[in-house]
Each structure stands twice: as C-alpha cells, then as structure tokens.
Amino acid sequence: MIRHEPYFTAADVYSDGIVLWEVLTREQPFRGMTPIQEAFAVARQGLRPSVPPSTPPMLASLIQACWHEDPVRRPTFSQILCAIKHMRQMEGKDGGREGGVVVPRC
C-alpha cells in the first residue's frame, strides 16, 4: 500500500505479523519514528522489528513469514491459523519450542 502497488490480503498478513509481534513483546514497533519515517523504512529499506531471541522458533518463523518482503511468499490467514493451532498443540509437549516447518499442514 505504501508503494502504491495493488492491494491484496498480503498487506493484512503483514499487519497481522506486526500484531503478533506487539502481543509477544508488549512494545510499540518502530518507537521513535514518525509514521512517515516508519512507512519509508518498511517499504523502501525493508525494516522489520527485531524478534526477541527468547521467542519460540515456530512463532518467530511465523511472524517473520508474515513480514516477507515478497508479499506472494507470505502465508495465508488459513495457514497462519493452522500454524497457531499447531503451536498450541505443541505447547504442552515441548514448551512450543519445536523448530522446523513454519506452516504445518492442517
């Protein structure tokens, strides 16, 4: 949207990744930047918030997949829901720290 390209759900998936990051960190992304600076840094420089190293690998991978620079390579909302369900199932087994596939098959 910022680059005035055709809009489709991949822009919403990017936003979902930001919301997941905000819930995880309880912080505001790009703190200290104006909205214009933030938009330019995201669209032109590929800036993304840092995912904390303590983040379970599957969650970190999902968040970063939502931010993929190529919108076509971002997961669909169905895939995001599937990944979250899978992480919830894994929660009791390994603390949600299983590595591997970003978006498991549902």
N, C-alpha and C. Protein backbone atom coordinates (compact mmCIF):
# COMPACT_ATOMS: atom_id res chain seq x y z
N MET A 1 0.82 -1.18 0.00
CA MET A 1 0.00 0.00 0.00
C MET A 1 0.87 1.25 0.00
N ILE A 2 1.91 1.23 0.79
CA ILE A 2 2.78 2.39 0.90
C ILE A 2 3.42 2.71 -0.44
N ARG A 3 3.73 1.67 -1.22
CA ARG A 3 4.37 1.87 -2.52
C ARG A 3 3.36 2.06 -3.64
N HIS A 4 2.09 2.18 -3.28
CA HIS A 4 1.01 2.38 -4.26
C HIS A 4 0.92 1.23 -5.25
N GLU A 5 1.16 0.02 -4.76
CA GLU A 5 1.01 -1.18 -5.56
C GLU A 5 -0.38 -1.72 -5.33
N PRO A 6 -0.85 -2.62 -6.18
CA PRO A 6 -2.18 -3.20 -5.95
C PRO A 6 -2.28 -3.81 -4.56
N TYR A 7 -3.40 -3.59 -3.92
CA TYR A 7 -3.62 -4.06 -2.57
C TYR A 7 -4.29 -5.42 -2.58
N PHE A 8 -3.79 -6.33 -1.79
CA PHE A 8 -4.45 -7.62 -1.58
C PHE A 8 -4.15 -8.08 -0.17
N THR A 9 -4.65 -9.23 0.21
CA THR A 9 -4.60 -9.65 1.62
C THR A 9 -3.20 -9.77 2.18
N ALA A 10 -2.17 -9.85 1.36
CA ALA A 10 -0.81 -9.94 1.88
C ALA A 10 -0.46 -8.73 2.73
N ALA A 11 -1.04 -7.58 2.45
CA ALA A 11 -0.81 -6.39 3.28
C ALA A 11 -1.42 -6.61 4.67
N ASP A 12 -2.57 -7.26 4.71
CA ASP A 12 -3.19 -7.57 6.00
C ASP A 12 -2.39 -8.62 6.77
N VAL A 13 -1.78 -9.55 6.05
CA VAL A 13 -0.94 -10.56 6.69
C VAL A 13 0.27 -9.88 7.32
N TYR A 14 0.86 -8.91 6.62
CA TYR A 14 1.97 -8.15 7.21
C TYR A 14 1.51 -7.51 8.52
N SER A 15 0.34 -6.88 8.50
CA SER A 15 -0.20 -6.24 9.70
C SER A 15 -0.43 -7.25 10.82
N ASP A 16 -0.89 -8.43 10.45
CA ASP A 16 -1.09 -9.49 11.44
C ASP A 16 0.23 -9.87 12.09
N GLY A 17 1.29 -9.93 11.31
CA GLY A 17 2.61 -10.21 11.86
C GLY A 17 3.05 -9.14 12.85
N ILE A 18 2.72 -7.88 12.55
CA ILE A 18 3.03 -6.79 13.46
C ILE A 18 2.24 -6.96 14.76
N VAL A 19 0.96 -7.31 14.64
CA VAL A 19 0.13 -7.51 15.84
C VAL A 19 0.68 -8.67 16.67
N LEU A 20 1.07 -9.77 16.04
CA LEU A 20 1.67 -10.89 16.78
C LEU A 20 2.92 -10.43 17.52
N TRP A 21 3.75 -9.62 16.85
CA TRP A 21 4.96 -9.10 17.47
C TRP A 21 4.61 -8.21 18.67
N GLU A 22 3.59 -7.36 18.52
CA GLU A 22 3.19 -6.47 19.61
C GLU A 22 2.68 -7.26 20.82
N VAL A 23 1.90 -8.30 20.56
CA VAL A 23 1.40 -9.14 21.65
C VAL A 23 2.57 -9.84 22.35
N LEU A 24 3.51 -10.32 21.57
CA LEU A 24 4.67 -11.02 22.11
C LEU A 24 5.55 -10.10 22.95
N THR A 25 5.84 -8.91 22.44
CA THR A 25 6.81 -8.03 23.10
C THR A 25 6.18 -6.98 24.02
N ARG A 26 4.89 -6.73 23.83
CA ARG A 26 4.20 -5.67 24.56
C ARG A 26 4.88 -4.32 24.35
N GLU A 27 5.35 -4.12 23.14
CA GLU A 27 6.03 -2.88 22.77
C GLU A 27 5.40 -2.30 21.52
N GLN A 28 5.77 -1.06 21.23
CA GLN A 28 5.33 -0.40 20.01
C GLN A 28 6.44 -0.56 18.97
N PRO A 29 6.11 -1.08 17.79
CA PRO A 29 7.17 -1.23 16.79
C PRO A 29 7.64 0.13 16.28
N PHE A 30 8.89 0.21 15.93
CA PHE A 30 9.46 1.41 15.34
C PHE A 30 9.32 2.64 16.24
N ARG A 31 9.41 2.42 17.54
CA ARG A 31 9.31 3.51 18.50
C ARG A 31 10.35 4.58 18.17
N GLY A 32 9.93 5.82 18.26
CA GLY A 32 10.83 6.94 17.99
C GLY A 32 10.78 7.43 16.56
N MET A 33 10.05 6.72 15.70
CA MET A 33 9.91 7.14 14.31
C MET A 33 8.55 7.79 14.10
N THR A 34 8.50 8.73 13.20
CA THR A 34 7.21 9.27 12.80
C THR A 34 6.55 8.26 11.86
N PRO A 35 5.24 8.35 11.67
CA PRO A 35 4.59 7.42 10.72
C PRO A 35 5.21 7.47 9.32
N ILE A 36 5.62 8.63 8.86
CA ILE A 36 6.24 8.74 7.53
C ILE A 36 7.59 8.05 7.51
N GLN A 37 8.39 8.25 8.55
CA GLN A 37 9.69 7.58 8.63
C GLN A 37 9.51 6.06 8.67
N GLU A 38 8.54 5.62 9.46
CA GLU A 38 8.26 4.19 9.57
C GLU A 38 7.85 3.62 8.22
N ALA A 39 6.93 4.28 7.55
CA ALA A 39 6.45 3.79 6.25
C ALA A 39 7.59 3.71 5.25
N PHE A 40 8.44 4.73 5.21
CA PHE A 40 9.57 4.72 4.28
C PHE A 40 10.54 3.59 4.62
N ALA A 41 10.87 3.44 5.90
CA ALA A 41 11.82 2.41 6.32
C ALA A 41 11.30 1.00 6.02
N VAL A 42 10.02 0.79 6.21
CA VAL A 42 9.42 -0.52 5.93
C VAL A 42 9.38 -0.79 4.43
N ALA A 43 8.86 0.17 3.67
CA ALA A 43 8.63 -0.03 2.24
C ALA A 43 9.91 0.04 1.41
N ARG A 44 10.80 0.94 1.74
CA ARG A 44 11.98 1.15 0.89
C ARG A 44 13.25 0.47 1.41
N GLN A 45 13.34 0.30 2.73
CA GLN A 45 14.56 -0.25 3.31
C GLN A 45 14.35 -1.65 3.89
N GLY A 46 13.12 -2.15 3.88
CA GLY A 46 12.83 -3.49 4.38
C GLY A 46 12.97 -3.63 5.89
N LEU A 47 12.83 -2.53 6.62
CA LEU A 47 12.96 -2.57 8.08
C LEU A 47 11.83 -3.39 8.69
N ARG A 48 12.19 -4.23 9.65
CA ARG A 48 11.23 -5.01 10.42
C ARG A 48 11.65 -4.95 11.88
N PRO A 49 10.70 -5.06 12.82
CA PRO A 49 11.09 -5.09 14.23
C PRO A 49 11.93 -6.34 14.52
N SER A 50 12.74 -6.25 15.54
CA SER A 50 13.55 -7.40 15.95
C SER A 50 12.70 -8.36 16.77
N VAL A 51 12.79 -9.62 16.43
CA VAL A 51 12.09 -10.65 17.20
C VAL A 51 13.02 -11.07 18.34
N PRO A 52 12.54 -11.01 19.59
CA PRO A 52 13.40 -11.37 20.71
C PRO A 52 13.98 -12.78 20.57
N PRO A 53 15.23 -12.97 20.95
CA PRO A 53 15.85 -14.29 20.82
C PRO A 53 15.17 -15.37 21.66
N SER A 54 14.43 -14.97 22.69
CA SER A 54 13.74 -15.94 23.54
C SER A 54 12.43 -16.44 22.94
N THR A 55 12.05 -15.91 21.77
CA THR A 55 10.80 -16.30 21.12
C THR A 55 10.88 -17.75 20.65
N PRO A 56 9.85 -18.56 20.94
CA PRO A 56 9.86 -19.93 20.41
C PRO A 56 10.08 -19.91 18.89
N PRO A 57 10.94 -20.79 18.39
CA PRO A 57 11.31 -20.75 16.97
C PRO A 57 10.13 -20.77 15.99
N MET A 58 9.11 -21.59 16.27
CA MET A 58 7.97 -21.64 15.34
C MET A 58 7.24 -20.31 15.30
N LEU A 59 7.08 -19.65 16.43
CA LEU A 59 6.42 -18.35 16.47
C LEU A 59 7.27 -17.30 15.77
N ALA A 60 8.56 -17.31 16.02
CA ALA A 60 9.45 -16.36 15.34
C ALA A 60 9.39 -16.55 13.83
N SER A 61 9.39 -17.79 13.38
CA SER A 61 9.32 -18.07 11.94
C SER A 61 8.00 -17.59 11.35
N LEU A 62 6.91 -17.80 12.08
CA LEU A 62 5.61 -17.37 11.59
C LEU A 62 5.55 -15.85 11.47
N ILE A 63 6.00 -15.15 12.50
CA ILE A 63 5.99 -13.69 12.46
C ILE A 63 6.83 -13.19 11.28
N GLN A 64 8.02 -13.73 11.12
CA GLN A 64 8.89 -13.30 10.03
C GLN A 64 8.33 -13.67 8.66
N ALA A 65 7.62 -14.79 8.57
CA ALA A 65 6.98 -15.16 7.30
C ALA A 65 5.89 -14.15 6.94
N CYS A 66 5.19 -13.65 7.95
CA CYS A 66 4.15 -12.64 7.70
C CYS A 66 4.73 -11.35 7.15
N TRP A 67 6.00 -11.10 7.44
CA TRP A 67 6.68 -9.87 7.00
C TRP A 67 7.51 -10.06 5.75
N HIS A 68 7.44 -11.22 5.13
CA HIS A 68 8.33 -11.49 3.98
C HIS A 68 8.27 -10.33 3.00
N GLU A 69 9.42 -9.96 2.49
CA GLU A 69 9.50 -8.82 1.57
C GLU A 69 8.65 -9.06 0.31
N ASP A 70 8.59 -10.31 -0.13
CA ASP A 70 7.76 -10.65 -1.29
C ASP A 70 6.37 -11.03 -0.79
N PRO A 71 5.37 -10.17 -1.00
CA PRO A 71 4.03 -10.44 -0.48
C PRO A 71 3.45 -11.79 -0.91
N VAL A 72 3.84 -12.27 -2.06
CA VAL A 72 3.33 -13.55 -2.56
C VAL A 72 3.81 -14.70 -1.69
N ARG A 73 4.95 -14.53 -1.02
CA ARG A 73 5.52 -15.60 -0.20
C ARG A 73 5.03 -15.56 1.25
N ARG A 74 4.19 -14.60 1.59
CA ARG A 74 3.62 -14.55 2.94
C ARG A 74 2.54 -15.62 3.07
N PRO A 75 2.35 -16.16 4.28
CA PRO A 75 1.32 -17.18 4.45
C PRO A 75 -0.08 -16.59 4.30
N THR A 76 -1.03 -17.45 4.03
CA THR A 76 -2.43 -17.03 4.01
C THR A 76 -2.95 -17.02 5.45
N PHE A 77 -4.12 -16.42 5.67
CA PHE A 77 -4.69 -16.45 7.01
C PHE A 77 -5.03 -17.86 7.44
N SER A 78 -5.44 -18.70 6.51
CA SER A 78 -5.70 -20.11 6.86
C SER A 78 -4.42 -20.79 7.35
N GLN A 79 -3.31 -20.51 6.69
CA GLN A 79 -2.03 -21.09 7.11
C GLN A 79 -1.59 -20.53 8.47
N ILE A 80 -1.85 -19.25 8.70
CA ILE A 80 -1.49 -18.66 10.00
C ILE A 80 -2.29 -19.34 11.11
N LEU A 81 -3.59 -19.49 10.90
CA LEU A 81 -4.42 -20.15 11.91
C LEU A 81 -3.96 -21.59 12.14
N CYS A 82 -3.64 -22.28 11.10
CA CYS A 82 -3.15 -23.65 11.21
C CYS A 82 -1.86 -23.69 12.03
N ALA A 83 -0.93 -22.78 11.76
CA ALA A 83 0.34 -22.73 12.49
C ALA A 83 0.11 -22.44 13.96
N ILE A 84 -0.80 -21.52 14.26
CA ILE A 84 -1.08 -21.18 15.66
C ILE A 84 -1.70 -22.38 16.38
N LYS A 85 -2.63 -23.07 15.71
CA LYS A 85 -3.22 -24.27 16.31
C LYS A 85 -2.14 -25.31 16.58
N HIS A 86 -1.24 -25.49 15.64
CA HIS A 86 -0.16 -26.46 15.81
C HIS A 86 0.73 -26.07 16.99
N MET A 87 1.06 -24.79 17.11
CA MET A 87 1.88 -24.34 18.23
C MET A 87 1.18 -24.57 19.57
N ARG A 88 -0.13 -24.37 19.60
CA ARG A 88 -0.89 -24.61 20.83
C ARG A 88 -0.85 -26.08 21.21
N GLN A 89 -0.95 -26.95 20.20
CA GLN A 89 -0.88 -28.39 20.46
C GLN A 89 0.50 -28.78 20.97
N MET A 90 1.53 -28.13 20.48
CA MET A 90 2.90 -28.44 20.87
C MET A 90 3.26 -27.84 22.22
N GLU A 91 2.48 -26.89 22.68
CA GLU A 91 2.78 -26.16 23.91
C GLU A 91 3.05 -27.07 25.09
N GLY A 92 2.22 -28.05 25.30
CA GLY A 92 2.39 -28.95 26.43
C GLY A 92 3.48 -29.98 26.22
N LYS A 93 3.88 -30.20 24.98
CA LYS A 93 4.85 -31.24 24.68
C LYS A 93 6.29 -30.77 24.77
N ASP A 94 6.54 -29.57 24.26
CA ASP A 94 7.92 -29.09 24.25
C ASP A 94 8.03 -27.60 24.58
N GLY A 95 7.00 -27.07 25.20
CA GLY A 95 7.03 -25.66 25.54
C GLY A 95 6.89 -24.76 24.33
N GLY A 96 6.44 -25.34 23.21
CA GLY A 96 6.28 -24.55 21.99
C GLY A 96 7.60 -24.23 21.32
N ARG A 97 8.65 -24.98 21.65
CA ARG A 97 9.96 -24.66 21.12
C ARG A 97 10.37 -25.56 19.95
N GLU A 98 9.43 -26.30 19.43
CA GLU A 98 9.76 -27.16 18.29
C GLU A 98 10.18 -26.29 17.12
N GLY A 99 11.24 -26.66 16.48
CA GLY A 99 11.68 -25.95 15.27
C GLY A 99 11.04 -26.58 14.05
N GLY A 100 11.46 -26.15 12.90
CA GLY A 100 11.01 -26.83 11.70
C GLY A 100 10.02 -26.03 10.89
N VAL A 101 9.03 -26.72 10.39
CA VAL A 101 8.09 -26.16 9.43
C VAL A 101 7.38 -24.94 10.00
N VAL A 102 7.36 -23.88 9.23
CA VAL A 102 6.69 -22.65 9.65
C VAL A 102 5.19 -22.87 9.67
N VAL A 103 4.66 -23.42 8.60
CA VAL A 103 3.22 -23.60 8.48
C VAL A 103 2.91 -25.06 8.23
N PRO A 104 2.55 -25.81 9.28
CA PRO A 104 2.25 -27.23 9.09
C PRO A 104 0.96 -27.44 8.31
N ARG A 105 0.81 -28.61 7.78
CA ARG A 105 -0.43 -28.94 7.07
C ARG A 105 -1.55 -29.17 8.07
N CYS A 106 -2.73 -28.68 7.73
CA CYS A 106 -3.90 -28.90 8.58
C CYS A 106 -4.86 -29.84 7.91
